PDB file of all heavy atoms in Angstrom:
ATOM      1  N   ASP A   1     -55.232 -11.316-119.924  1.00  0.00           N
ATOM      2  CA  ASP A   1     -55.940 -12.373-120.645  1.00  0.00           C
ATOM      3  C   ASP A   1     -57.380 -12.397-120.138  1.00  0.00           C
ATOM      4  O   ASP A   1     -57.799 -11.567-119.343  1.00  0.00           O
ATOM      5  CB  ASP A   1     -55.259 -13.717-120.632  1.00  0.00           C
ATOM      6  CG  ASP A   1     -55.082 -14.294-119.201  1.00  0.00           C
ATOM      7  OD1 ASP A   1     -55.825 -13.832-118.337  1.00  0.00           O
ATOM      8  OD2 ASP A   1     -54.222 -15.153-119.019  1.00  0.00           O
ATOM      9  N   GLU A   2     -58.156 -13.421-120.537  1.00  0.00           N
ATOM     10  CA  GLU A   2     -59.575 -13.454-120.218  1.00  0.00           C
ATOM     11  C   GLU A   2     -59.888 -13.501-118.742  1.00  0.00           C
ATOM     12  O   GLU A   2     -60.928 -13.038-118.250  1.00  0.00           O
ATOM     13  CB  GLU A   2     -60.243 -14.754-120.848  1.00  0.00           C
ATOM     14  CG  GLU A   2     -60.385 -14.606-122.346  1.00  0.00           C
ATOM     15  CD  GLU A   2     -59.120 -15.104-123.138  1.00  0.00           C
ATOM     16  OE1 GLU A   2     -58.043 -15.088-122.486  1.00  0.00           O
ATOM     17  OE2 GLU A   2     -59.224 -15.444-124.308  1.00  0.00           O
ATOM     18  N   THR A   3     -58.945 -13.974-117.907  1.00  0.00           N
ATOM     19  CA  THR A   3     -59.118 -13.973-116.482  1.00  0.00           C
ATOM     20  C   THR A   3     -58.259 -13.014-115.674  1.00  0.00           C
ATOM     21  O   THR A   3     -58.246 -12.898-114.477  1.00  0.00           O
ATOM     22  CB  THR A   3     -58.844 -15.353-115.946  1.00  0.00           C
ATOM     23  OG1 THR A   3     -57.539 -15.846-116.282  1.00  0.00           O
ATOM     24  CG2 THR A   3     -59.849 -16.380-116.503  1.00  0.00           C
ATOM     25  N   HIS A   4     -57.494 -12.222-116.457  1.00  0.00           N
ATOM     26  CA  HIS A   4     -56.634 -11.206-115.832  1.00  0.00           C
ATOM     27  C   HIS A   4     -56.784  -9.865-116.588  1.00  0.00           C
ATOM     28  O   HIS A   4     -55.943  -9.407-117.318  1.00  0.00           O
ATOM     29  CB  HIS A   4     -55.192 -11.681-115.861  1.00  0.00           C
ATOM     30  CG  HIS A   4     -54.904 -12.950-115.131  1.00  0.00           C
ATOM     31  ND1 HIS A   4     -55.005 -14.175-115.743  1.00  0.00           N
ATOM     32  CD2 HIS A   4     -54.573 -13.121-113.855  1.00  0.00           C
ATOM     33  CE1 HIS A   4     -54.702 -15.089-114.851  1.00  0.00           C
ATOM     34  NE2 HIS A   4     -54.455 -14.499-113.663  1.00  0.00           N
ATOM     35  N   GLY A   5     -57.933  -9.194-116.304  1.00  0.00           N
ATOM     36  CA  GLY A   5     -58.135  -7.803-116.852  1.00  0.00           C
ATOM     37  C   GLY A   5     -58.429  -7.651-118.276  1.00  0.00           C
ATOM     38  O   GLY A   5     -58.421  -6.497-118.751  1.00  0.00           O
ATOM     39  N   ASN A   6     -58.596  -8.735-119.030  1.00  0.00           N
ATOM     40  CA  ASN A   6     -58.922  -8.617-120.462  1.00  0.00           C
ATOM     41  C   ASN A   6     -60.027  -9.630-120.823  1.00  0.00           C
ATOM     42  O   ASN A   6     -59.808 -10.484-121.731  1.00  0.00           O
ATOM     43  CB  ASN A   6     -57.641  -8.860-121.258  1.00  0.00           C
ATOM     44  CG  ASN A   6     -57.769  -8.253-122.689  1.00  0.00           C
ATOM     45  OD1 ASN A   6     -58.037  -7.061-122.831  1.00  0.00           O
ATOM     46  ND2 ASN A   6     -57.552  -9.125-123.723  1.00  0.00           N
ATOM     47  N   ALA A   7     -61.152  -9.501-120.215  1.00  0.00           N
ATOM     48  CA  ALA A   7     -62.206 -10.457-120.438  1.00  0.00           C
ATOM     49  C   ALA A   7     -62.659 -10.552-121.852  1.00  0.00           C
ATOM     50  O   ALA A   7     -63.305 -11.595-122.258  1.00  0.00           O
ATOM     51  CB  ALA A   7     -63.401 -10.128-119.516  1.00  0.00           C
ATOM     52  N   SER A   8     -62.468  -9.521-122.662  1.00  0.00           N
ATOM     53  CA  SER A   8     -62.906  -9.568-124.063  1.00  0.00           C
ATOM     54  C   SER A   8     -62.135 -10.662-124.816  1.00  0.00           C
ATOM     55  O   SER A   8     -62.636 -11.147-125.836  1.00  0.00           O
ATOM     56  CB  SER A   8     -62.736  -8.265-124.746  1.00  0.00           C
ATOM     57  OG  SER A   8     -61.353  -7.945-124.909  1.00  0.00           O
ATOM     58  N   GLY A   9     -60.920 -10.991-124.325  1.00  0.00           N
ATOM     59  CA  GLY A   9     -60.083 -11.924-125.015  1.00  0.00           C
ATOM     60  C   GLY A   9     -59.410 -11.388-126.259  1.00  0.00           C
ATOM     61  O   GLY A   9     -58.633 -12.135-126.942  1.00  0.00           O
ATOM     62  N   MET A  10     -59.612 -10.163-126.573  1.00  0.00           N
ATOM     63  CA  MET A  10     -58.976  -9.529-127.656  1.00  0.00           C
ATOM     64  C   MET A  10     -57.754  -8.785-127.145  1.00  0.00           C
ATOM     65  O   MET A  10     -57.781  -8.140-126.121  1.00  0.00           O
ATOM     66  CB  MET A  10     -59.902  -8.563-128.389  1.00  0.00           C
ATOM     67  CG  MET A  10     -61.191  -9.316-128.930  1.00  0.00           C
ATOM     68  SD  MET A  10     -62.430  -8.217-129.660  1.00  0.00           S
ATOM     69  CE  MET A  10     -61.631  -7.750-131.223  1.00  0.00           C
ATOM     70  N   PHE A  11     -56.678  -8.788-127.973  1.00  0.00           N
ATOM     71  CA  PHE A  11     -55.421  -8.114-127.579  1.00  0.00           C
ATOM     72  C   PHE A  11     -54.947  -8.607-126.219  1.00  0.00           C
ATOM     73  O   PHE A  11     -54.643  -7.785-125.324  1.00  0.00           O
ATOM     74  CB  PHE A  11     -55.541  -6.625-127.631  1.00  0.00           C
ATOM     75  CG  PHE A  11     -54.261  -5.896-127.635  1.00  0.00           C
ATOM     76  CD1 PHE A  11     -53.003  -6.486-127.877  1.00  0.00           C
ATOM     77  CD2 PHE A  11     -54.186  -4.501-127.408  1.00  0.00           C
ATOM     78  CE1 PHE A  11     -51.792  -5.814-127.874  1.00  0.00           C
ATOM     79  CE2 PHE A  11     -53.017  -3.830-127.394  1.00  0.00           C
ATOM     80  CZ  PHE A  11     -51.793  -4.471-127.596  1.00  0.00           C
ATOM     81  N   ASN A  12     -54.820  -9.996-126.037  1.00  0.00           N
ATOM     82  CA  ASN A  12     -54.193 -10.444-124.828  1.00  0.00           C
ATOM     83  C   ASN A  12     -52.677 -10.032-124.865  1.00  0.00           C
ATOM     84  O   ASN A  12     -52.070 -10.007-125.884  1.00  0.00           O
ATOM     85  CB  ASN A  12     -54.319 -11.947-124.733  1.00  0.00           C
ATOM     86  CG  ASN A  12     -55.723 -12.355-124.326  1.00  0.00           C
ATOM     87  OD1 ASN A  12     -56.440 -11.589-123.691  1.00  0.00           O
ATOM     88  ND2 ASN A  12     -56.046 -13.573-124.694  1.00  0.00           N
ATOM     89  N   ARG A  13     -52.127  -9.725-123.685  1.00  0.00           N
ATOM     90  CA  ARG A  13     -50.755  -9.220-123.608  1.00  0.00           C
ATOM     91  C   ARG A  13     -49.956  -9.963-122.524  1.00  0.00           C
ATOM     92  O   ARG A  13     -50.512 -10.526-121.587  1.00  0.00           O
ATOM     93  CB  ARG A  13     -50.781  -7.750-123.294  1.00  0.00           C
ATOM     94  CG  ARG A  13     -51.165  -6.869-124.432  1.00  0.00           C
ATOM     95  CD  ARG A  13     -51.970  -5.622-123.968  1.00  0.00           C
ATOM     96  NE  ARG A  13     -53.395  -5.951-123.703  1.00  0.00           N
ATOM     97  CZ  ARG A  13     -54.171  -5.265-122.938  1.00  0.00           C
ATOM     98  NH1 ARG A  13     -53.742  -4.214-122.288  1.00  0.00           N
ATOM     99  NH2 ARG A  13     -55.445  -5.644-122.767  1.00  0.00           N
ATOM    100  N   SER A  14     -48.637  -9.867-122.677  1.00  0.00           N
ATOM    101  CA  SER A  14     -47.753 -10.392-121.660  1.00  0.00           C
ATOM    102  C   SER A  14     -46.554  -9.477-121.534  1.00  0.00           C
ATOM    103  O   SER A  14     -46.449  -8.480-122.195  1.00  0.00           O
ATOM    104  CB  SER A  14     -47.320 -11.854-121.988  1.00  0.00           C
ATOM    105  OG  SER A  14     -46.347 -11.768-123.075  1.00  0.00           O
ATOM    106  N   TYR A  15     -45.611  -9.839-120.665  1.00  0.00           N
ATOM    107  CA  TYR A  15     -44.367  -9.009-120.457  1.00  0.00           C
ATOM    108  C   TYR A  15     -43.666  -8.748-121.796  1.00  0.00           C
ATOM    109  O   TYR A  15     -42.927  -7.738-121.926  1.00  0.00           O
ATOM    110  CB  TYR A  15     -43.435  -9.722-119.501  1.00  0.00           C
ATOM    111  CG  TYR A  15     -42.916 -11.086-119.932  1.00  0.00           C
ATOM    112  CD1 TYR A  15     -41.765 -11.105-120.740  1.00  0.00           C
ATOM    113  CD2 TYR A  15     -43.466 -12.244-119.642  1.00  0.00           C
ATOM    114  CE1 TYR A  15     -41.223 -12.283-121.230  1.00  0.00           C
ATOM    115  CE2 TYR A  15     -42.966 -13.466-120.067  1.00  0.00           C
ATOM    116  CZ  TYR A  15     -41.870 -13.457-120.817  1.00  0.00           C
ATOM    117  OH  TYR A  15     -41.292 -14.666-121.287  1.00  0.00           O
ATOM    118  N   LYS A  16     -43.868  -9.553-122.828  1.00  0.00           N
ATOM    119  CA  LYS A  16     -43.131  -9.382-124.049  1.00  0.00           C
ATOM    120  C   LYS A  16     -43.596  -8.101-124.807  1.00  0.00           C
ATOM    121  O   LYS A  16     -42.854  -7.595-125.655  1.00  0.00           O
ATOM    122  CB  LYS A  16     -43.371 -10.578-124.999  1.00  0.00           C
ATOM    123  CG  LYS A  16     -42.856 -11.860-124.407  1.00  0.00           C
ATOM    124  CD  LYS A  16     -43.240 -13.039-125.399  1.00  0.00           C
ATOM    125  CE  LYS A  16     -42.743 -14.396-124.780  1.00  0.00           C
ATOM    126  NZ  LYS A  16     -43.106 -15.506-125.680  1.00  0.00           N
ATOM    127  N   ASP A  17     -44.782  -7.603-124.407  1.00  0.00           N
ATOM    128  CA  ASP A  17     -45.313  -6.414-125.086  1.00  0.00           C
ATOM    129  C   ASP A  17     -44.964  -5.118-124.415  1.00  0.00           C
ATOM    130  O   ASP A  17     -45.468  -3.998-124.854  1.00  0.00           O
ATOM    131  CB  ASP A  17     -46.863  -6.558-125.187  1.00  0.00           C
ATOM    132  CG  ASP A  17     -47.273  -7.852-125.978  1.00  0.00           C
ATOM    133  OD1 ASP A  17     -46.727  -8.059-127.065  1.00  0.00           O
ATOM    134  OD2 ASP A  17     -48.116  -8.613-125.426  1.00  0.00           O
ATOM    135  N   TYR A  18     -44.212  -5.176-123.386  1.00  0.00           N
ATOM    136  CA  TYR A  18     -43.853  -3.997-122.658  1.00  0.00           C
ATOM    137  C   TYR A  18     -42.346  -3.839-122.577  1.00  0.00           C
ATOM    138  O   TYR A  18     -41.559  -4.708-123.101  1.00  0.00           O
ATOM    139  CB  TYR A  18     -44.443  -4.112-121.173  1.00  0.00           C
ATOM    140  CG  TYR A  18     -45.933  -4.256-121.149  1.00  0.00           C
ATOM    141  CD1 TYR A  18     -46.506  -5.542-121.118  1.00  0.00           C
ATOM    142  CD2 TYR A  18     -46.755  -3.169-121.354  1.00  0.00           C
ATOM    143  CE1 TYR A  18     -47.916  -5.662-121.139  1.00  0.00           C
ATOM    144  CE2 TYR A  18     -48.117  -3.268-121.358  1.00  0.00           C
ATOM    145  CZ  TYR A  18     -48.711  -4.585-121.318  1.00  0.00           C
ATOM    146  OH  TYR A  18     -50.090  -4.708-121.349  1.00  0.00           O
ATOM    147  N   HIS A  19     -41.900  -2.777-121.968  1.00  0.00           N
ATOM    148  CA  HIS A  19     -40.436  -2.572-121.859  1.00  0.00           C
ATOM    149  C   HIS A  19     -39.943  -2.997-120.471  1.00  0.00           C
ATOM    150  O   HIS A  19     -40.692  -2.811-119.500  1.00  0.00           O
ATOM    151  CB  HIS A  19     -40.099  -1.080-122.012  1.00  0.00           C
ATOM    152  CG  HIS A  19     -40.342  -0.516-123.426  1.00  0.00           C
ATOM    153  ND1 HIS A  19     -41.279   0.441-123.656  1.00  0.00           N
ATOM    154  CD2 HIS A  19     -39.819  -0.839-124.636  1.00  0.00           C
ATOM    155  CE1 HIS A  19     -41.328   0.713-124.984  1.00  0.00           C
ATOM    156  NE2 HIS A  19     -40.480  -0.069-125.621  1.00  0.00           N
ATOM    157  N   PRO A  20     -38.705  -3.576-120.442  1.00  0.00           N
ATOM    158  CA  PRO A  20     -37.829  -3.967-121.544  1.00  0.00           C
ATOM    159  C   PRO A  20     -38.271  -5.277-122.182  1.00  0.00           C
ATOM    160  O   PRO A  20     -39.138  -5.941-121.593  1.00  0.00           O
ATOM    161  CB  PRO A  20     -36.486  -4.072-120.896  1.00  0.00           C
ATOM    162  CG  PRO A  20     -36.820  -4.540-119.493  1.00  0.00           C
ATOM    163  CD  PRO A  20     -38.134  -3.830-119.177  1.00  0.00           C
ATOM    164  N   ASN A  21     -37.733  -5.595-123.411  1.00  0.00           N
ATOM    165  CA  ASN A  21     -38.149  -6.829-124.128  1.00  0.00           C
ATOM    166  C   ASN A  21     -37.003  -7.208-125.035  1.00  0.00           C
ATOM    167  O   ASN A  21     -35.912  -6.696-124.885  1.00  0.00           O
ATOM    168  CB  ASN A  21     -39.426  -6.573-124.884  1.00  0.00           C
ATOM    169  CG  ASN A  21     -39.336  -5.340-125.783  1.00  0.00           C
ATOM    170  OD1 ASN A  21     -38.397  -5.165-126.519  1.00  0.00           O
ATOM    171  ND2 ASN A  21     -40.386  -4.551-125.742  1.00  0.00           N
ATOM    172  N   ASP A  22     -37.303  -8.141-125.957  1.00  0.00           N
ATOM    173  CA  ASP A  22     -36.239  -8.686-126.826  1.00  0.00           C
ATOM    174  C   ASP A  22     -35.833  -7.680-127.866  1.00  0.00           C
ATOM    175  O   ASP A  22     -34.869  -7.975-128.667  1.00  0.00           O
ATOM    176  CB  ASP A  22     -36.659  -9.979-127.424  1.00  0.00           C
ATOM    177  CG  ASP A  22     -37.974  -9.839-128.233  1.00  0.00           C
ATOM    178  OD1 ASP A  22     -38.643  -8.784-128.231  1.00  0.00           O
ATOM    179  OD2 ASP A  22     -38.326 -10.904-128.939  1.00  0.00           O
ATOM    180  N   ILE A  23     -36.518  -6.561-127.996  1.00  0.00           N
ATOM    181  CA  ILE A  23     -36.164  -5.524-129.049  1.00  0.00           C
ATOM    182  C   ILE A  23     -35.244  -4.472-128.406  1.00  0.00           C
ATOM    183  O   ILE A  23     -34.168  -4.181-128.882  1.00  0.00           O
ATOM    184  CB  ILE A  23     -37.353  -4.865-129.659  1.00  0.00           C
ATOM    185  CG1 ILE A  23     -38.213  -5.888-130.392  1.00  0.00           C
ATOM    186  CG2 ILE A  23     -36.988  -3.741-130.557  1.00  0.00           C
ATOM    187  CD1 ILE A  23     -39.470  -5.299-130.991  1.00  0.00           C
ATOM    188  N   HIS A  24     -35.660  -3.965-127.279  1.00  0.00           N
ATOM    189  CA  HIS A  24     -34.838  -2.867-126.592  1.00  0.00           C
ATOM    190  C   HIS A  24     -35.284  -2.709-125.197  1.00  0.00           C
ATOM    191  O   HIS A  24     -36.358  -3.243-124.770  1.00  0.00           O
ATOM    192  CB  HIS A  24     -34.930  -1.561-127.392  1.00  0.00           C
ATOM    193  CG  HIS A  24     -36.351  -1.069-127.728  1.00  0.00           C
ATOM    194  ND1 HIS A  24     -36.541  -0.086-128.692  1.00  0.00           N
ATOM    195  CD2 HIS A  24     -37.506  -1.447-127.269  1.00  0.00           C
ATOM    196  CE1 HIS A  24     -37.838   0.141-128.765  1.00  0.00           C
ATOM    197  NE2 HIS A  24     -38.462  -0.672-127.920  1.00  0.00           N
ATOM    198  N   GLU A  25     -34.463  -1.942-124.508  1.00  0.00           N
ATOM    199  CA  GLU A  25     -34.732  -1.660-123.067  1.00  0.00           C
ATOM    200  C   GLU A  25     -36.020  -0.734-122.966  1.00  0.00           C
ATOM    201  O   GLU A  25     -36.847  -0.903-122.057  1.00  0.00           O
ATOM    202  CB  GLU A  25     -33.553  -0.995-122.411  1.00  0.00           C
ATOM    203  CG  GLU A  25     -32.402  -1.970-122.155  1.00  0.00           C
ATOM    204  CD  GLU A  25     -32.720  -2.963-121.101  1.00  0.00           C
ATOM    205  OE1 GLU A  25     -33.232  -2.630-120.049  1.00  0.00           O
ATOM    206  OE2 GLU A  25     -32.500  -4.160-121.342  1.00  0.00           O
ATOM    207  N   ARG A  26     -36.079   0.270-123.809  1.00  0.00           N
ATOM    208  CA  ARG A  26     -37.148   1.199-123.709  1.00  0.00           C
ATOM    209  C   ARG A  26     -37.162   2.011-124.993  1.00  0.00           C
ATOM    210  O   ARG A  26     -36.295   1.940-125.884  1.00  0.00           O
ATOM    211  CB  ARG A  26     -36.927   2.188-122.570  1.00  0.00           C
ATOM    212  CG  ARG A  26     -35.640   2.891-122.570  1.00  0.00           C
ATOM    213  CD  ARG A  26     -35.505   4.036-121.555  1.00  0.00           C
ATOM    214  NE  ARG A  26     -36.443   5.105-121.900  1.00  0.00           N
ATOM    215  CZ  ARG A  26     -36.688   6.185-121.131  1.00  0.00           C
ATOM    216  NH1 ARG A  26     -36.042   6.266-120.009  1.00  0.00           N
ATOM    217  NH2 ARG A  26     -37.574   7.050-121.483  1.00  0.00           N
ATOM    218  N   ASP A  27     -38.247   2.765-125.261  1.00  0.00           N
ATOM    219  CA  ASP A  27     -38.341   3.618-126.431  1.00  0.00           C
ATOM    220  C   ASP A  27     -37.884   5.039-125.986  1.00  0.00           C
ATOM    221  O   ASP A  27     -37.427   5.250-124.877  1.00  0.00           O
ATOM    222  CB  ASP A  27     -39.719   3.648-127.042  1.00  0.00           C
ATOM    223  CG  ASP A  27     -40.828   4.076-126.110  1.00  0.00           C
ATOM    224  OD1 ASP A  27     -40.506   4.807-125.046  1.00  0.00           O
ATOM    225  OD2 ASP A  27     -41.963   3.759-126.302  1.00  0.00           O
ATOM    226  N   SER A  28     -37.973   5.979-126.901  1.00  0.00           N
ATOM    227  CA  SER A  28     -37.477   7.319-126.609  1.00  0.00           C
ATOM    228  C   SER A  28     -38.494   8.168-125.830  1.00  0.00           C
ATOM    229  O   SER A  28     -38.191   9.320-125.487  1.00  0.00           O
ATOM    230  CB  SER A  28     -37.135   8.020-127.920  1.00  0.00           C
ATOM    231  OG  SER A  28     -38.265   8.178-128.755  1.00  0.00           O
ATOM    232  N   GLY A  29     -39.682   7.643-125.609  1.00  0.00           N
ATOM    233  CA  GLY A  29     -40.723   8.420-124.866  1.00  0.00           C
ATOM    234  C   GLY A  29     -40.491   8.386-123.385  1.00  0.00           C
ATOM    235  O   GLY A  29     -39.704   7.638-122.818  1.00  0.00           O
ATOM    236  N   ASP A  30     -41.224   9.249-122.715  1.00  0.00           N
ATOM    237  CA  ASP A  30     -41.178   9.296-121.254  1.00  0.00           C
ATOM    238  C   ASP A  30     -41.784   8.028-120.665  1.00  0.00           C
ATOM    239  O   ASP A  30     -42.739   7.445-121.266  1.00  0.00           O
ATOM    240  CB  ASP A  30     -41.919  10.522-120.716  1.00  0.00           C
ATOM    241  CG  ASP A  30     -41.361  11.819-121.078  1.00  0.00           C
ATOM    242  OD1 ASP A  30     -40.203  11.893-121.497  1.00  0.00           O
ATOM    243  OD2 ASP A  30     -42.064  12.847-121.020  1.00  0.00           O
TER     244      ASP A  30
END
């Protein structure tokens, strides 16, 4: 977010946007 590596404030992210999450453990990629 704006104070954690994303000062632009665009495309803020959290653990929900990474693996694992509420969709699946991981994708088929490396």
